[in-house]
Amino acid sequence: MSSNVISLSRRQNPKAHDRGALLHSFAKMRRDPNDVFWLKENAELLNILECSASMLDSYDLSAYAQIYDNLPKRLAFFPQYYRFFASIALDLEGLGLAGDHAENICARIDQQGLVNAELSDLQRAETTRLLARRGMGGAKRRTYRRDCTALSITAQPLRCPITKWPMS
């Protein structure tokens, strides 16, 4: 007697080259790296891999080597996407790509006070979380797994980014 039930009792272990092919597909084939949707998809993918303590080899990370090298230049040209660039740099370094771009990007974000320019509580919290991964921004930091952070964030009154006056 046949069944339409699929057994999920065994844990599937994808082959290493499948993971590398997936990363190369996301990094180079799905969208143009200058597309904001590319930034969003790849930032999400890398964050999932980093937070789940995935072990990537040099082939897996090679898909992002050129992109990583250009992050500081891209930040200078597209400053409105600073959260994506910081997230990608932090996650690539957390996954084993050598470099210090994340530290420099976070320092720039912190020095420019970009967290205070955000109008959304969610975007302020995201920026605070990213800065906390490098010990910046004044957030209390509690590390779990590898480098994902949980934050204690106190509510701040919403202020106009230009005048700094409270907004009601």
N, C-alpha and C. Protein backbone atom coordinates (compact mmCIF):
# COMPACT_ATOMS: atom_id res chain seq x y z
N MET A 1 0.84 -1.16 0.00
CA MET A 1 0.00 0.00 0.00
C MET A 1 0.90 1.24 0.00
N SER A 2 0.67 2.15 -0.91
CA SER A 2 1.48 3.36 -0.99
C SER A 2 0.86 4.48 -0.15
N SER A 3 1.70 5.41 0.18
CA SER A 3 1.25 6.50 1.03
C SER A 3 1.68 7.84 0.42
N ASN A 4 0.90 8.85 0.66
CA ASN A 4 1.26 10.19 0.22
C ASN A 4 1.99 10.97 1.30
N VAL A 5 2.34 10.31 2.38
CA VAL A 5 3.02 10.95 3.49
C VAL A 5 4.53 10.91 3.24
N ILE A 6 5.15 12.03 3.39
CA ILE A 6 6.61 12.12 3.24
C ILE A 6 7.22 12.09 4.63
N SER A 7 8.14 11.19 4.83
CA SER A 7 8.80 11.07 6.12
C SER A 7 9.86 12.15 6.28
N LEU A 8 9.78 12.88 7.38
CA LEU A 8 10.77 13.91 7.68
C LEU A 8 11.60 13.54 8.89
N SER A 9 11.57 12.27 9.24
CA SER A 9 12.27 11.84 10.44
C SER A 9 13.78 11.90 10.29
N ARG A 10 14.27 11.69 9.09
CA ARG A 10 15.71 11.79 8.88
C ARG A 10 16.09 13.24 8.61
N ARG A 11 17.19 13.64 9.18
CA ARG A 11 17.65 14.99 8.94
C ARG A 11 18.41 15.02 7.62
N GLN A 12 18.00 15.90 6.75
CA GLN A 12 18.66 16.03 5.46
C GLN A 12 19.94 16.86 5.64
N ASN A 13 21.02 16.42 5.08
CA ASN A 13 22.28 17.15 5.15
C ASN A 13 22.70 17.51 3.73
N PRO A 14 22.44 18.75 3.30
CA PRO A 14 22.79 19.11 1.94
C PRO A 14 24.29 19.03 1.71
N LYS A 15 24.65 18.66 0.51
CA LYS A 15 26.07 18.57 0.17
C LYS A 15 26.67 19.97 0.15
N ALA A 16 27.94 20.04 0.46
CA ALA A 16 28.62 21.33 0.54
C ALA A 16 28.55 22.09 -0.77
N HIS A 17 28.68 21.39 -1.88
CA HIS A 17 28.66 22.11 -3.16
C HIS A 17 27.28 22.66 -3.47
N ASP A 18 26.23 22.08 -2.92
CA ASP A 18 24.89 22.62 -3.10
C ASP A 18 24.75 23.97 -2.40
N ARG A 19 25.32 24.08 -1.22
CA ARG A 19 25.27 25.33 -0.48
C ARG A 19 26.05 26.41 -1.21
N GLY A 20 27.22 26.05 -1.71
CA GLY A 20 28.02 26.99 -2.48
C GLY A 20 27.32 27.45 -3.74
N ALA A 21 26.65 26.53 -4.41
CA ALA A 21 25.90 26.88 -5.62
C ALA A 21 24.76 27.83 -5.28
N LEU A 22 24.10 27.59 -4.15
CA LEU A 22 23.02 28.48 -3.72
C LEU A 22 23.56 29.89 -3.47
N LEU A 23 24.67 29.99 -2.75
CA LEU A 23 25.25 31.30 -2.45
C LEU A 23 25.70 32.02 -3.72
N HIS A 24 26.33 31.29 -4.63
CA HIS A 24 26.76 31.89 -5.90
C HIS A 24 25.55 32.34 -6.71
N SER A 25 24.47 31.58 -6.65
CA SER A 25 23.24 31.96 -7.35
C SER A 25 22.67 33.26 -6.80
N PHE A 26 22.58 33.36 -5.48
CA PHE A 26 22.05 34.58 -4.86
C PHE A 26 22.99 35.76 -5.12
N ALA A 27 24.28 35.54 -5.02
CA ALA A 27 25.24 36.64 -5.15
C ALA A 27 25.39 37.14 -6.58
N LYS A 28 25.26 36.23 -7.56
CA LYS A 28 25.65 36.63 -8.91
C LYS A 28 24.60 36.43 -9.99
N MET A 29 23.56 35.64 -9.74
CA MET A 29 22.66 35.30 -10.84
C MET A 29 21.23 35.81 -10.70
N ARG A 30 20.73 35.96 -9.49
CA ARG A 30 19.32 36.31 -9.32
C ARG A 30 19.01 37.75 -9.69
N ARG A 31 19.83 38.66 -9.25
CA ARG A 31 19.62 40.09 -9.48
C ARG A 31 20.96 40.79 -9.64
N ASP A 32 20.90 42.02 -10.09
CA ASP A 32 22.10 42.85 -10.20
C ASP A 32 22.49 43.33 -8.79
N PRO A 33 23.75 43.28 -8.43
CA PRO A 33 24.18 43.70 -7.08
C PRO A 33 23.88 45.18 -6.75
N ASN A 34 23.56 45.99 -7.74
CA ASN A 34 23.21 47.38 -7.49
C ASN A 34 21.72 47.56 -7.23
N ASP A 35 20.97 46.49 -7.32
CA ASP A 35 19.52 46.51 -7.09
C ASP A 35 19.26 46.42 -5.58
N VAL A 36 18.39 47.27 -5.06
CA VAL A 36 18.10 47.24 -3.63
C VAL A 36 17.51 45.90 -3.20
N PHE A 37 16.79 45.22 -4.09
CA PHE A 37 16.25 43.90 -3.75
C PHE A 37 17.39 42.88 -3.61
N TRP A 38 18.48 43.05 -4.36
CA TRP A 38 19.66 42.19 -4.20
C TRP A 38 20.21 42.40 -2.79
N LEU A 39 20.33 43.67 -2.38
CA LEU A 39 20.84 43.96 -1.04
C LEU A 39 19.98 43.29 0.03
N LYS A 40 18.67 43.43 -0.10
CA LYS A 40 17.73 42.87 0.89
C LYS A 40 17.85 41.35 0.94
N GLU A 41 17.77 40.69 -0.21
CA GLU A 41 17.84 39.22 -0.24
C GLU A 41 19.15 38.69 0.31
N ASN A 42 20.24 39.28 -0.11
CA ASN A 42 21.54 38.77 0.32
C ASN A 42 21.83 39.10 1.77
N ALA A 43 21.39 40.25 2.24
CA ALA A 43 21.55 40.57 3.66
C ALA A 43 20.77 39.57 4.52
N GLU A 44 19.56 39.24 4.09
CA GLU A 44 18.74 38.27 4.83
C GLU A 44 19.38 36.88 4.81
N LEU A 45 19.81 36.44 3.63
CA LEU A 45 20.43 35.11 3.50
C LEU A 45 21.68 35.00 4.37
N LEU A 46 22.56 35.98 4.28
CA LEU A 46 23.79 35.93 5.07
C LEU A 46 23.51 36.01 6.56
N ASN A 47 22.51 36.79 6.96
CA ASN A 47 22.18 36.88 8.38
C ASN A 47 21.64 35.56 8.90
N ILE A 48 20.82 34.87 8.12
CA ILE A 48 20.32 33.55 8.53
C ILE A 48 21.49 32.58 8.70
N LEU A 49 22.41 32.57 7.74
CA LEU A 49 23.55 31.66 7.81
C LEU A 49 24.44 31.99 9.02
N GLU A 50 24.67 33.27 9.26
CA GLU A 50 25.54 33.67 10.37
C GLU A 50 24.90 33.35 11.72
N CYS A 51 23.61 33.66 11.85
CA CYS A 51 22.93 33.42 13.13
C CYS A 51 22.70 31.94 13.41
N SER A 52 22.69 31.13 12.38
CA SER A 52 22.50 29.68 12.58
C SER A 52 23.83 28.96 12.70
N ALA A 53 24.91 29.71 12.83
CA ALA A 53 26.26 29.16 13.01
C ALA A 53 26.66 28.22 11.88
N SER A 54 26.28 28.57 10.66
CA SER A 54 26.67 27.77 9.49
C SER A 54 28.17 27.86 9.26
N MET A 55 28.72 26.75 8.85
CA MET A 55 30.15 26.70 8.55
C MET A 55 30.30 26.77 7.03
N LEU A 56 30.91 27.83 6.54
CA LEU A 56 31.11 28.01 5.11
C LEU A 56 32.58 27.87 4.78
N ASP A 57 32.87 27.34 3.61
CA ASP A 57 34.27 27.22 3.21
C ASP A 57 34.63 28.39 2.28
N SER A 58 35.87 28.41 1.84
CA SER A 58 36.34 29.54 1.03
C SER A 58 35.59 29.64 -0.29
N TYR A 59 35.18 28.49 -0.87
CA TYR A 59 34.41 28.55 -2.12
C TYR A 59 33.07 29.23 -1.89
N ASP A 60 32.40 28.88 -0.80
CA ASP A 60 31.10 29.49 -0.49
C ASP A 60 31.24 31.00 -0.37
N LEU A 61 32.24 31.44 0.35
CA LEU A 61 32.43 32.87 0.60
C LEU A 61 32.99 33.61 -0.61
N SER A 62 33.60 32.90 -1.54
CA SER A 62 34.19 33.56 -2.71
C SER A 62 33.14 34.26 -3.56
N ALA A 63 31.90 33.84 -3.47
CA ALA A 63 30.83 34.49 -4.22
C ALA A 63 30.68 35.95 -3.81
N TYR A 64 31.07 36.27 -2.57
CA TYR A 64 30.88 37.62 -2.04
C TYR A 64 32.18 38.41 -1.89
N ALA A 65 33.32 37.85 -2.29
CA ALA A 65 34.60 38.52 -2.06
C ALA A 65 34.67 39.89 -2.73
N GLN A 66 34.32 39.98 -3.99
CA GLN A 66 34.39 41.26 -4.70
C GLN A 66 33.37 42.24 -4.14
N ILE A 67 32.21 41.76 -3.82
CA ILE A 67 31.17 42.61 -3.24
C ILE A 67 31.65 43.17 -1.91
N TYR A 68 32.23 42.32 -1.08
CA TYR A 68 32.74 42.74 0.22
C TYR A 68 33.81 43.81 0.05
N ASP A 69 34.72 43.61 -0.89
CA ASP A 69 35.79 44.57 -1.12
C ASP A 69 35.26 45.95 -1.51
N ASN A 70 34.11 45.99 -2.18
CA ASN A 70 33.54 47.25 -2.65
C ASN A 70 32.54 47.89 -1.69
N LEU A 71 32.27 47.28 -0.55
CA LEU A 71 31.26 47.82 0.37
C LEU A 71 31.55 49.26 0.82
N PRO A 72 32.78 49.62 1.19
CA PRO A 72 33.02 51.01 1.60
C PRO A 72 32.71 52.01 0.48
N LYS A 73 33.07 51.68 -0.76
CA LYS A 73 32.79 52.57 -1.88
C LYS A 73 31.28 52.66 -2.12
N ARG A 74 30.61 51.54 -2.03
CA ARG A 74 29.16 51.54 -2.24
C ARG A 74 28.45 52.34 -1.16
N LEU A 75 28.95 52.26 0.07
CA LEU A 75 28.37 53.05 1.15
C LEU A 75 28.52 54.54 0.87
N ALA A 76 29.66 54.95 0.34
CA ALA A 76 29.87 56.36 0.01
C ALA A 76 28.92 56.82 -1.09
N PHE A 77 28.61 55.94 -2.01
CA PHE A 77 27.74 56.30 -3.13
C PHE A 77 26.26 56.15 -2.81
N PHE A 78 25.93 55.16 -1.98
CA PHE A 78 24.53 54.89 -1.62
C PHE A 78 24.38 54.91 -0.09
N PRO A 79 24.56 56.05 0.57
CA PRO A 79 24.51 56.06 2.03
C PRO A 79 23.16 55.67 2.61
N GLN A 80 22.08 55.80 1.84
CA GLN A 80 20.75 55.44 2.34
C GLN A 80 20.62 53.94 2.60
N TYR A 81 21.51 53.13 2.07
CA TYR A 81 21.46 51.68 2.27
C TYR A 81 22.48 51.20 3.30
N TYR A 82 22.88 52.09 4.21
CA TYR A 82 23.94 51.76 5.16
C TYR A 82 23.62 50.53 5.99
N ARG A 83 22.34 50.29 6.34
CA ARG A 83 22.01 49.12 7.16
C ARG A 83 22.28 47.83 6.40
N PHE A 84 21.98 47.81 5.11
CA PHE A 84 22.27 46.62 4.30
C PHE A 84 23.78 46.38 4.24
N PHE A 85 24.54 47.43 3.96
CA PHE A 85 25.99 47.27 3.84
C PHE A 85 26.62 46.82 5.15
N ALA A 86 26.17 47.38 6.26
CA ALA A 86 26.70 46.98 7.57
C ALA A 86 26.34 45.53 7.86
N SER A 87 25.11 45.16 7.60
CA SER A 87 24.67 43.79 7.85
C SER A 87 25.46 42.78 7.02
N ILE A 88 25.63 43.07 5.74
CA ILE A 88 26.38 42.17 4.85
C ILE A 88 27.82 42.04 5.32
N ALA A 89 28.47 43.16 5.65
CA ALA A 89 29.86 43.12 6.10
C ALA A 89 29.99 42.34 7.41
N LEU A 90 29.11 42.62 8.37
CA LEU A 90 29.16 41.93 9.66
C LEU A 90 28.97 40.42 9.49
N ASP A 91 28.00 40.04 8.67
CA ASP A 91 27.72 38.62 8.51
C ASP A 91 28.82 37.90 7.74
N LEU A 92 29.36 38.52 6.70
CA LEU A 92 30.45 37.89 5.96
C LEU A 92 31.66 37.69 6.85
N GLU A 93 32.00 38.68 7.65
CA GLU A 93 33.13 38.52 8.58
C GLU A 93 32.81 37.47 9.64
N GLY A 94 31.56 37.44 10.11
CA GLY A 94 31.15 36.43 11.08
C GLY A 94 31.19 35.02 10.52
N LEU A 95 31.00 34.91 9.21
CA LEU A 95 31.04 33.60 8.55
C LEU A 95 32.46 33.18 8.15
N GLY A 96 33.43 34.08 8.34
CA GLY A 96 34.81 33.69 8.11
C GLY A 96 35.56 34.47 7.04
N LEU A 97 34.93 35.42 6.38
CA LEU A 97 35.64 36.22 5.39
C LEU A 97 36.55 37.20 6.13
N ALA A 98 37.82 37.20 5.78
CA ALA A 98 38.79 38.05 6.47
C ALA A 98 38.64 39.50 6.03
N GLY A 99 38.75 40.40 6.99
CA GLY A 99 38.69 41.83 6.68
C GLY A 99 38.19 42.63 7.86
N ASP A 100 38.19 43.95 7.69
CA ASP A 100 37.74 44.84 8.76
C ASP A 100 36.75 45.89 8.27
N HIS A 101 36.10 45.63 7.15
CA HIS A 101 35.13 46.60 6.63
C HIS A 101 33.97 46.82 7.58
N ALA A 102 33.53 45.78 8.27
CA ALA A 102 32.39 45.92 9.18
C ALA A 102 32.71 46.91 10.29
N GLU A 103 33.90 46.81 10.85
CA GLU A 103 34.32 47.74 11.91
C GLU A 103 34.31 49.17 11.40
N ASN A 104 34.85 49.38 10.21
CA ASN A 104 34.92 50.72 9.64
C ASN A 104 33.54 51.27 9.29
N ILE A 105 32.69 50.43 8.73
CA ILE A 105 31.33 50.85 8.37
C ILE A 105 30.54 51.20 9.63
N CYS A 106 30.65 50.35 10.65
CA CYS A 106 29.94 50.62 11.91
C CYS A 106 30.45 51.89 12.57
N ALA A 107 31.75 52.11 12.53
CA ALA A 107 32.32 53.33 13.12
C ALA A 107 31.79 54.56 12.39
N ARG A 108 31.70 54.47 11.08
CA ARG A 108 31.16 55.60 10.30
C ARG A 108 29.70 55.86 10.65
N ILE A 109 28.91 54.80 10.75
CA ILE A 109 27.49 54.94 11.11
C ILE A 109 27.37 55.57 12.50
N ASP A 110 28.18 55.09 13.43
CA ASP A 110 28.14 55.60 14.80
C ASP A 110 28.59 57.06 14.85
N GLN A 111 29.68 57.39 14.18
CA GLN A 111 30.20 58.77 14.20
C GLN A 111 29.21 59.75 13.57
N GLN A 112 28.52 59.32 12.52
CA GLN A 112 27.57 60.20 11.85
C GLN A 112 26.21 60.25 12.55
N GLY A 113 26.03 59.43 13.58
CA GLY A 113 24.79 59.43 14.32
C GLY A 113 23.58 59.02 13.50
N LEU A 114 23.77 58.10 12.56
CA LEU A 114 22.69 57.73 11.66
C LEU A 114 21.52 57.07 12.38
N VAL A 115 21.79 56.43 13.52
CA VAL A 115 20.70 55.81 14.27
C VAL A 115 19.68 56.86 14.71
N ASN A 116 20.14 58.06 15.01
CA ASN A 116 19.25 59.13 15.45
C ASN A 116 18.49 59.78 14.31
N ALA A 117 18.93 59.55 13.08
CA ALA A 117 18.25 60.13 11.92
C ALA A 117 17.09 59.27 11.44
N GLU A 118 17.00 58.05 11.96
CA GLU A 118 15.92 57.15 11.53
C GLU A 118 14.59 57.61 12.14
N LEU A 119 13.54 57.57 11.34
CA LEU A 119 12.21 57.95 11.80
C LEU A 119 11.45 56.79 12.40
N SER A 120 11.85 55.59 12.06
CA SER A 120 11.14 54.39 12.49
C SER A 120 11.84 53.75 13.69
N ASP A 121 11.05 53.38 14.71
CA ASP A 121 11.61 52.66 15.86
C ASP A 121 12.28 51.37 15.43
N LEU A 122 11.67 50.69 14.47
CA LEU A 122 12.22 49.42 13.98
C LEU A 122 13.59 49.63 13.34
N GLN A 123 13.72 50.67 12.52
CA GLN A 123 15.01 50.93 11.88
C GLN A 123 16.06 51.40 12.88
N ARG A 124 15.64 52.16 13.90
CA ARG A 124 16.58 52.55 14.96
C ARG A 124 17.06 51.30 15.71
N ALA A 125 16.14 50.40 16.00
CA ALA A 125 16.50 49.18 16.72
C ALA A 125 17.44 48.31 15.88
N GLU A 126 17.16 48.22 14.58
CA GLU A 126 18.03 47.43 13.71
C GLU A 126 19.43 48.03 13.65
N THR A 127 19.52 49.34 13.52
CA THR A 127 20.82 50.00 13.48
C THR A 127 21.56 49.82 14.80
N THR A 128 20.84 49.94 15.90
CA THR A 128 21.43 49.74 17.23
C THR A 128 21.98 48.32 17.37
N ARG A 129 21.22 47.34 16.88
CA ARG A 129 21.66 45.95 16.93
C ARG A 129 22.93 45.74 16.10
N LEU A 130 22.97 46.33 14.91
CA LEU A 130 24.15 46.18 14.06
C LEU A 130 25.38 46.81 14.72
N LEU A 131 25.22 48.00 15.27
CA LEU A 131 26.36 48.67 15.93
C LEU A 131 26.82 47.89 17.16
N ALA A 132 25.88 47.31 17.88
CA ALA A 132 26.23 46.55 19.09
C ALA A 132 27.08 45.33 18.76
N ARG A 133 26.97 44.81 17.56
CA ARG A 133 27.79 43.66 17.17
C ARG A 133 29.28 44.01 17.14
N ARG A 134 29.60 45.29 17.08
CA ARG A 134 30.99 45.75 17.16
C ARG A 134 31.22 46.60 18.40
N GLY A 135 30.29 46.51 19.38
CA GLY A 135 30.45 47.22 20.63
C GLY A 135 30.30 48.72 20.52
N MET A 136 29.53 49.18 19.54
CA MET A 136 29.34 50.62 19.33
C MET A 136 27.88 51.00 19.56
N GLY A 137 27.64 52.29 19.63
CA GLY A 137 26.27 52.78 19.69
C GLY A 137 25.68 52.86 21.08
N GLY A 138 26.38 52.44 22.11
CA GLY A 138 25.89 52.57 23.48
C GLY A 138 24.83 51.56 23.87
N ALA A 139 24.57 50.54 23.06
CA ALA A 139 23.57 49.54 23.42
C ALA A 139 24.18 48.52 24.37
N LYS A 140 23.37 48.02 25.28
CA LYS A 140 23.82 46.93 26.14
C LYS A 140 23.85 45.67 25.28
N ARG A 141 24.90 44.91 25.41
CA ARG A 141 25.11 43.78 24.51
C ARG A 141 25.11 42.47 25.28
N ARG A 142 24.43 41.50 24.74
CA ARG A 142 24.43 40.14 25.27
C ARG A 142 24.62 39.23 24.08
N THR A 143 25.73 38.49 24.04
CA THR A 143 26.06 37.68 22.88
C THR A 143 25.51 36.27 23.05
N TYR A 144 24.99 35.72 21.98
CA TYR A 144 24.56 34.33 21.95
C TYR A 144 24.97 33.74 20.63
N ARG A 145 25.05 32.43 20.58
CA ARG A 145 25.59 31.70 19.44
C ARG A 145 26.94 32.29 19.08
N ARG A 146 27.12 32.74 17.83
CA ARG A 146 28.43 33.28 17.46
C ARG A 146 28.50 34.78 17.66
N ASP A 147 27.77 35.53 16.92
CA ASP A 147 27.87 36.98 17.03
C ASP A 147 26.51 37.65 16.91
N CYS A 148 25.43 36.89 16.97
CA CYS A 148 24.11 37.51 16.95
C CYS A 148 23.89 38.12 18.32
N THR A 149 23.23 39.24 18.37
CA THR A 149 23.09 39.93 19.63
C THR A 149 21.64 40.16 19.99
N ALA A 150 21.39 40.13 21.26
CA ALA A 150 20.09 40.53 21.79
C ALA A 150 20.33 41.84 22.53
N LEU A 151 19.46 42.78 22.39
CA LEU A 151 19.69 44.10 22.95
C LEU A 151 18.62 44.47 23.95
N SER A 152 19.01 45.28 24.91
CA SER A 152 18.05 45.96 25.78
C SER A 152 17.97 47.38 25.26
N ILE A 153 16.87 47.72 24.65
CA ILE A 153 16.72 49.04 24.06
C ILE A 153 15.64 49.78 24.82
N THR A 154 15.97 50.96 25.30
CA THR A 154 14.97 51.76 25.99
C THR A 154 14.30 52.67 24.98
N ALA A 155 13.02 52.89 25.16
CA ALA A 155 12.26 53.74 24.23
C ALA A 155 12.77 55.17 24.34
N GLN A 156 12.93 55.80 23.20
CA GLN A 156 13.35 57.19 23.14
C GLN A 156 12.24 57.98 22.48
N PRO A 157 12.05 59.23 22.91
CA PRO A 157 11.03 60.03 22.24
C PRO A 157 11.42 60.25 20.78
N LEU A 158 10.46 60.24 19.90
CA LEU A 158 10.70 60.47 18.49
C LEU A 158 11.07 61.93 18.29
N ARG A 159 12.22 62.18 17.65
CA ARG A 159 12.70 63.54 17.45
C ARG A 159 12.90 63.80 15.97
N CYS A 160 12.71 65.03 15.58
CA CYS A 160 12.96 65.44 14.20
C CYS A 160 14.46 65.31 13.95
N PRO A 161 14.88 64.64 12.86
CA PRO A 161 16.31 64.45 12.61
C PRO A 161 17.04 65.75 12.30
N ILE A 162 16.32 66.79 11.91
CA ILE A 162 16.97 68.06 11.56
C ILE A 162 17.03 68.99 12.77
N THR A 163 15.88 69.24 13.39
CA THR A 163 15.83 70.20 14.50
C THR A 163 16.09 69.55 15.86
N LYS A 164 15.94 68.24 15.94
CA LYS A 164 16.09 67.47 17.17
C LYS A 164 14.98 67.76 18.18
N TRP A 165 13.90 68.43 17.74
CA TRP A 165 12.77 68.71 18.62
C TRP A 165 11.89 67.48 18.73
N PRO A 166 11.28 67.26 19.87
CA PRO A 166 10.38 66.10 20.01
C PRO A 166 9.19 66.22 19.03
N MET A 167 8.85 65.07 18.46
CA MET A 167 7.70 65.01 17.55
C MET A 167 6.57 64.33 18.30
N SER A 168 5.36 64.88 18.21
CA SER A 168 4.25 64.27 18.93
C SER A 168 3.49 63.31 18.07
